[in-house]
Amino acid sequence: MSLKDRLIGLTGDWLAGLDPEAGWDQPLTRLQREGGFRLVNRLVGMAIPFAPRNRFRVEEVRPGYVRASIAVKGNRNHFGSLYAGAYFLVAEIPGGVLTLFDLGPDYVPILKEMTLEFLEPANSDVTIELHMDGKTRERIRQEADETGRAAFTLEGIMRDRTGSDVARSLAQYRLRKKGFEAPAS
């Protein structure tokens, strides 16, 4: 297992064990969580250097949940709102983050198809939240362990800083298990 894979596993376990509601009344836990998210964003940047250059960042990750954002600064289109490619970036990467941190580095998520529905222009930073329930995670893991792959879908709503829905995403993923060998017949 590579160092990066170990870091993903350890960081996911570490963040999952910390109180997601920790505020400044629990300063050590809050600082640990912030440090964990900085590491997550470094790992994303190592895997996809395009992401931090475009001000993408993971804001929260815990079992079955990820929230990420992208800044409008540096990502504006010809009429001043968020560029379509930035919507795609903020909609696509969190699916991989959610999968890697929920299922572990032995599973590789591959985007097969994504559709975006633009609802209104975003003139501020945009945030997306993705959810995957425990039953779905278990089905995906079991199917990938048995066949080497599994398919799943993630739906997301992108919101601007005022809370307005600005876009919807529907992403079809294929999960591949690293090193899978089919049982001999």
C-alpha atoms as a PDB file:
ATOM      1  CA  MET A   1       0.000   0.000   0.000  1.00  0.00           C
ATOM      2  CA  SER A   2       1.385   3.397  -0.978  1.00  0.00           C
ATOM      3  CA  LEU A   3       2.033   6.213   1.468  1.00  0.00           C
ATOM      4  CA  LYS A   4      -0.789   8.236  -0.127  1.00  0.00           C
ATOM      5  CA  ASP A   5      -3.220   5.317   0.360  1.00  0.00           C
ATOM      6  CA  ARG A   6      -2.184   5.010   3.997  1.00  0.00           C
ATOM      7  CA  LEU A   7      -2.674   8.736   4.519  1.00  0.00           C
ATOM      8  CA  ILE A   8      -6.162   8.556   3.004  1.00  0.00           C
ATOM      9  CA  GLY A   9      -7.123   5.674   5.271  1.00  0.00           C
ATOM     10  CA  LEU A  10      -5.651   7.192   8.415  1.00  0.00           C
ATOM     11  CA  THR A  11      -7.095  10.648   7.732  1.00  0.00           C
ATOM     12  CA  GLY A  12     -10.558   9.237   7.055  1.00  0.00           C
ATOM     13  CA  ASP A  13     -10.479   7.203  10.279  1.00  0.00           C
ATOM     14  CA  TRP A  14      -9.163  10.180  12.238  1.00  0.00           C
ATOM     15  CA  LEU A  15     -11.819  12.599  10.951  1.00  0.00           C
ATOM     16  CA  ALA A  16     -14.597  10.036  11.476  1.00  0.00           C
ATOM     17  CA  GLY A  17     -13.610   9.793  15.134  1.00  0.00           C
ATOM     18  CA  LEU A  18     -13.838  13.547  15.779  1.00  0.00           C
ATOM     19  CA  ASP A  19     -17.028  15.353  16.782  1.00  0.00           C
ATOM     20  CA  PRO A  20     -18.361  17.038  13.593  1.00  0.00           C
ATOM     21  CA  GLU A  21     -20.158  19.646  15.717  1.00  0.00           C
ATOM     22  CA  ALA A  22     -17.022  20.701  17.631  1.00  0.00           C
ATOM     23  CA  GLY A  23     -16.835  24.474  17.889  1.00  0.00           C
ATOM     24  CA  TRP A  24     -14.553  26.803  19.777  1.00  0.00           C
ATOM     25  CA  ASP A  25     -15.948  25.336  23.008  1.00  0.00           C
ATOM     26  CA  GLN A  26     -13.816  22.273  22.048  1.00  0.00           C
ATOM     27  CA  PRO A  27     -10.746  24.015  20.631  1.00  0.00           C
ATOM     28  CA  LEU A  28      -8.490  20.958  20.363  1.00  0.00           C
ATOM     29  CA  THR A  29     -11.085  18.936  18.452  1.00  0.00           C
ATOM     30  CA  ARG A  30     -11.869  21.870  16.192  1.00  0.00           C
ATOM     31  CA  LEU A  31      -8.185  22.400  15.394  1.00  0.00           C
ATOM     32  CA  GLN A  32      -7.729  18.667  14.743  1.00  0.00           C
ATOM     33  CA  ARG A  33     -10.664  18.714  12.306  1.00  0.00           C
ATOM     34  CA  GLU A  34      -9.323  21.799  10.519  1.00  0.00           C
ATOM     35  CA  GLY A  35      -5.905  20.155  10.254  1.00  0.00           C
ATOM     36  CA  GLY A  36      -7.543  17.017   8.872  1.00  0.00           C
ATOM     37  CA  PHE A  37      -9.382  19.025   6.201  1.00  0.00           C
ATOM     38  CA  ARG A  38      -6.147  20.774   5.247  1.00  0.00           C
ATOM     39  CA  LEU A  39      -4.595  17.331   4.747  1.00  0.00           C
ATOM     40  CA  VAL A  40      -7.599  16.183   2.687  1.00  0.00           C
ATOM     41  CA  ASN A  41      -7.209  19.247   0.466  1.00  0.00           C
ATOM     42  CA  ARG A  42      -3.459  18.606   0.106  1.00  0.00           C
ATOM     43  CA  LEU A  43      -4.211  15.025  -0.962  1.00  0.00           C
ATOM     44  CA  VAL A  44      -6.784  16.261  -3.489  1.00  0.00           C
ATOM     45  CA  GLY A  45      -4.236  18.781  -4.781  1.00  0.00           C
ATOM     46  CA  MET A  46      -1.587  16.068  -5.166  1.00  0.00           C
ATOM     47  CA  ALA A  47      -3.993  13.871  -7.131  1.00  0.00           C
ATOM     48  CA  ILE A  48      -5.599  16.691  -9.140  1.00  0.00           C
ATOM     49  CA  PRO A  49      -3.357  19.792  -9.277  1.00  0.00           C
ATOM     50  CA  PHE A  50      -6.064  21.593 -11.262  1.00  0.00           C
ATOM     51  CA  ALA A  51      -8.359  21.624  -8.188  1.00  0.00           C
ATOM     52  CA  PRO A  52      -6.451  23.934  -5.794  1.00  0.00           C
ATOM     53  CA  ARG A  53      -5.430  26.217  -8.669  1.00  0.00           C
ATOM     54  CA  ASN A  54      -9.146  26.805  -9.193  1.00  0.00           C
ATOM     55  CA  ARG A  55      -9.844  27.369  -5.479  1.00  0.00           C
ATOM     56  CA  PHE A  56     -11.674  24.079  -4.937  1.00  0.00           C
ATOM     57  CA  ARG A  57     -11.698  22.859  -1.351  1.00  0.00           C
ATOM     58  CA  VAL A  58     -13.250  20.165   0.783  1.00  0.00           C
ATOM     59  CA  GLU A  59     -14.925  21.790   3.779  1.00  0.00           C
ATOM     60  CA  GLU A  60     -16.313  18.722   5.560  1.00  0.00           C
ATOM     61  CA  VAL A  61     -15.998  14.971   5.188  1.00  0.00           C
ATOM     62  CA  ARG A  62     -17.447  12.308   7.457  1.00  0.00           C
ATOM     63  CA  PRO A  63     -18.998   8.880   6.882  1.00  0.00           C
ATOM     64  CA  GLY A  64     -21.639   9.224   4.181  1.00  0.00           C
ATOM     65  CA  TYR A  65     -21.179  12.968   3.709  1.00  0.00           C
ATOM     66  CA  VAL A  66     -18.936  15.474   1.967  1.00  0.00           C
ATOM     67  CA  ARG A  67     -19.266  19.234   1.493  1.00  0.00           C
ATOM     68  CA  ALA A  68     -17.005  21.093  -0.904  1.00  0.00           C
ATOM     69  CA  SER A  69     -16.836  24.547  -2.418  1.00  0.00           C
ATOM     70  CA  ILE A  70     -15.319  26.490  -5.258  1.00  0.00           C
ATOM     71  CA  ALA A  71     -14.577  30.205  -5.271  1.00  0.00           C
ATOM     72  CA  VAL A  72     -16.079  32.459  -7.886  1.00  0.00           C
ATOM     73  CA  LYS A  73     -12.845  34.510  -7.791  1.00  0.00           C
ATOM     74  CA  GLY A  74     -10.699  33.325 -10.686  1.00  0.00           C
ATOM     75  CA  ASN A  75     -13.555  31.190 -12.061  1.00  0.00           C
ATOM     76  CA  ARG A  76     -15.832  33.784 -13.665  1.00  0.00           C
ATOM     77  CA  ASN A  77     -17.221  33.441 -17.161  1.00  0.00           C
ATOM     78  CA  HIS A  78     -17.660  36.110 -19.843  1.00  0.00           C
ATOM     79  CA  PHE A  79     -20.678  37.650 -18.057  1.00  0.00           C
ATOM     80  CA  GLY A  80     -19.291  37.601 -14.515  1.00  0.00           C
ATOM     81  CA  SER A  81     -20.892  34.543 -12.928  1.00  0.00           C
ATOM     82  CA  LEU A  82     -19.345  31.156 -12.140  1.00  0.00           C
ATOM     83  CA  TYR A  83     -17.891  29.433 -15.215  1.00  0.00           C
ATOM     84  CA  ALA A  84     -19.564  26.126 -16.224  1.00  0.00           C
ATOM     85  CA  GLY A  85     -16.302  24.191 -15.871  1.00  0.00           C
ATOM     86  CA  ALA A  86     -16.073  25.298 -12.227  1.00  0.00           C
ATOM     87  CA  TYR A  87     -19.524  23.840 -11.582  1.00  0.00           C
ATOM     88  CA  PHE A  88     -18.328  20.559 -13.049  1.00  0.00           C
ATOM     89  CA  LEU A  89     -15.187  20.577 -10.902  1.00  0.00           C
ATOM     90  CA  VAL A  90     -17.086  21.193  -7.648  1.00  0.00           C
ATOM     91  CA  ALA A  91     -19.671  18.543  -8.574  1.00  0.00           C
ATOM     92  CA  GLU A  92     -17.240  15.801  -9.650  1.00  0.00           C
ATOM     93  CA  ILE A  93     -14.333  15.716  -7.190  1.00  0.00           C
ATOM     94  CA  PRO A  94     -16.425  15.326  -4.000  1.00  0.00           C
ATOM     95  CA  GLY A  95     -17.795  12.015  -5.311  1.00  0.00           C
ATOM     96  CA  GLY A  96     -14.257  10.653  -5.398  1.00  0.00           C
ATOM     97  CA  VAL A  97     -13.473  12.105  -1.977  1.00  0.00           C
ATOM     98  CA  LEU A  98     -16.614  10.588  -0.480  1.00  0.00           C
ATOM     99  CA  THR A  99     -15.841   7.205  -1.993  1.00  0.00           C
ATOM    100  CA  LEU A 100     -12.171   7.143  -0.987  1.00  0.00           C
ATOM    101  CA  PHE A 101     -12.815   8.227   2.587  1.00  0.00           C
ATOM    102  CA  ASP A 102     -15.904   6.028   3.066  1.00  0.00           C
ATOM    103  CA  LEU A 103     -14.712   2.861   1.357  1.00  0.00           C
ATOM    104  CA  GLY A 104     -10.962   3.277   1.623  1.00  0.00           C
ATOM    105  CA  PRO A 105      -8.031   3.467  -0.768  1.00  0.00           C
ATOM    106  CA  ASP A 106      -8.522  -0.124  -1.998  1.00  0.00           C
ATOM    107  CA  TYR A 107     -11.383   1.168  -4.177  1.00  0.00           C
ATOM    108  CA  VAL A 108     -10.988   3.538  -7.128  1.00  0.00           C
ATOM    109  CA  PRO A 109     -13.969   5.677  -8.181  1.00  0.00           C
ATOM    110  CA  ILE A 110     -14.270   6.412 -11.900  1.00  0.00           C
ATOM    111  CA  LEU A 111     -16.745   8.953 -13.239  1.00  0.00           C
ATOM    112  CA  LYS A 112     -18.684   7.435 -16.136  1.00  0.00           C
ATOM    113  CA  GLU A 113     -21.215  10.185 -16.819  1.00  0.00           C
ATOM    114  CA  MET A 114     -22.328  13.472 -15.310  1.00  0.00           C
ATOM    115  CA  THR A 115     -25.128  15.841 -16.131  1.00  0.00           C
ATOM    116  CA  LEU A 116     -25.480  19.355 -14.803  1.00  0.00           C
ATOM    117  CA  GLU A 117     -28.683  21.342 -14.755  1.00  0.00           C
ATOM    118  CA  PHE A 118     -28.051  25.073 -14.398  1.00  0.00           C
ATOM    119  CA  LEU A 119     -30.822  26.746 -12.411  1.00  0.00           C
ATOM    120  CA  GLU A 120     -29.536  30.324 -12.099  1.00  0.00           C
ATOM    121  CA  PRO A 121     -26.202  32.117 -12.397  1.00  0.00           C
ATOM    122  CA  ALA A 122     -23.958  32.003  -9.330  1.00  0.00           C
ATOM    123  CA  ASN A 123     -22.328  35.317  -8.529  1.00  0.00           C
ATOM    124  CA  SER A 124     -20.609  34.049  -5.384  1.00  0.00           C
ATOM    125  CA  ASP A 125     -18.755  30.954  -4.209  1.00  0.00           C
ATOM    126  CA  VAL A 126     -20.661  27.699  -4.673  1.00  0.00           C
ATOM    127  CA  THR A 127     -20.999  24.790  -2.256  1.00  0.00           C
ATOM    128  CA  ILE A 128     -22.164  21.233  -2.874  1.00  0.00           C
ATOM    129  CA  GLU A 129     -23.145  18.513  -0.415  1.00  0.00           C
ATOM    130  CA  LEU A 130     -23.215  14.823  -1.305  1.00  0.00           C
ATOM    131  CA  HIS A 131     -24.679  12.026   0.800  1.00  0.00           C
ATOM    132  CA  MET A 132     -24.397   8.246   0.664  1.00  0.00           C
ATOM    133  CA  ASP A 133     -26.271   6.156   3.201  1.00  0.00           C
ATOM    134  CA  GLY A 134     -24.719   3.180   4.977  1.00  0.00           C
ATOM    135  CA  LYS A 135     -26.842   0.629   3.116  1.00  0.00           C
ATOM    136  CA  THR A 136     -25.623   1.965  -0.237  1.00  0.00           C
ATOM    137  CA  ARG A 137     -21.994   2.016   0.924  1.00  0.00           C
ATOM    138  CA  GLU A 138     -22.260  -1.597   2.068  1.00  0.00           C
ATOM    139  CA  ARG A 139     -23.876  -2.678  -1.239  1.00  0.00           C
ATOM    140  CA  ILE A 140     -21.109  -0.984  -3.218  1.00  0.00           C
ATOM    141  CA  ARG A 141     -18.345  -2.520  -1.105  1.00  0.00           C
ATOM    142  CA  GLN A 142     -19.881  -6.011  -1.252  1.00  0.00           C
ATOM    143  CA  GLU A 143     -20.421  -5.868  -5.011  1.00  0.00           C
ATOM    144  CA  ALA A 144     -16.873  -4.593  -5.629  1.00  0.00           C
ATOM    145  CA  ASP A 145     -15.405  -7.274  -3.361  1.00  0.00           C
ATOM    146  CA  GLU A 146     -17.320  -9.999  -5.240  1.00  0.00           C
ATOM    147  CA  THR A 147     -16.996  -8.777  -8.839  1.00  0.00           C
ATOM    148  CA  GLY A 148     -14.183  -6.220  -8.819  1.00  0.00           C
ATOM    149  CA  ARG A 149     -16.532  -3.334  -9.633  1.00  0.00           C
ATOM    150  CA  ALA A 150     -19.753  -1.643  -8.623  1.00  0.00           C
ATOM    151  CA  ALA A 151     -21.910   1.148 -10.036  1.00  0.00           C
ATOM    152  CA  PHE A 152     -23.496   3.946  -8.046  1.00  0.00           C
ATOM    153  CA  THR A 153     -25.073   7.352  -8.521  1.00  0.00           C
ATOM    154  CA  LEU A 154     -24.608  10.576  -6.584  1.00  0.00           C
ATOM    155  CA  GLU A 155     -26.937  13.551  -6.789  1.00  0.00           C
ATOM    156  CA  GLY A 156     -25.910  16.994  -5.649  1.00  0.00           C
ATOM    157  CA  ILE A 157     -27.402  20.438  -5.256  1.00  0.00           C
ATOM    158  CA  MET A 158     -25.057  23.383  -5.669  1.00  0.00           C
ATOM    159  CA  ARG A 159     -25.859  26.512  -3.694  1.00  0.00           C
ATOM    160  CA  ASP A 160     -24.425  30.001  -3.737  1.00  0.00           C
ATOM    161  CA  ARG A 161     -23.512  31.911  -0.561  1.00  0.00           C
ATOM    162  CA  THR A 162     -27.102  33.203  -0.212  1.00  0.00           C
ATOM    163  CA  GLY A 163     -28.384  29.609  -0.073  1.00  0.00           C
ATOM    164  CA  SER A 164     -30.034  29.728  -3.504  1.00  0.00           C
ATOM    165  CA  ASP A 165     -29.957  26.538  -5.562  1.00  0.00           C
ATOM    166  CA  VAL A 166     -27.864  27.366  -8.629  1.00  0.00           C
ATOM    167  CA  ALA A 167     -27.320  23.918 -10.186  1.00  0.00           C
ATOM    168  CA  ARG A 168     -28.016  20.194  -9.839  1.00  0.00           C
ATOM    169  CA  SER A 169     -25.672  17.361 -10.677  1.00  0.00           C
ATOM    170  CA  LEU A 170     -26.285  13.704 -11.388  1.00  0.00           C
ATOM    171  CA  ALA A 171     -23.108  11.621 -11.513  1.00  0.00           C
ATOM    172  CA  GLN A 172     -22.801   7.966 -12.516  1.00  0.00           C
ATOM    173  CA  TYR A 173     -19.720   6.304 -11.033  1.00  0.00           C
ATOM    174  CA  ARG A 174     -18.066   2.940 -11.445  1.00  0.00           C
ATOM    175  CA  LEU A 175     -16.025   1.732  -8.515  1.00  0.00           C
ATOM    176  CA  ARG A 176     -13.093  -0.584  -9.190  1.00  0.00           C
ATOM    177  CA  LYS A 177     -11.387  -2.666  -6.524  1.00  0.00           C
ATOM    178  CA  LYS A 178      -7.603  -2.491  -6.757  1.00  0.00           C
ATOM    179  CA  GLY A 179      -5.882  -5.824  -7.357  1.00  0.00           C
ATOM    180  CA  PHE A 180      -9.132  -7.735  -7.853  1.00  0.00           C
ATOM    181  CA  GLU A 181      -8.732 -11.205  -9.272  1.00  0.00           C
ATOM    182  CA  ALA A 182     -11.814 -13.169 -10.215  1.00  0.00           C
ATOM    183  CA  PRO A 183     -12.102 -16.508  -8.418  1.00  0.00           C
ATOM    184  CA  ALA A 184     -11.014 -19.491 -10.497  1.00  0.00           C
ATOM    185  CA  SER A 185     -13.922 -21.413 -11.986  1.00  0.00           C
END
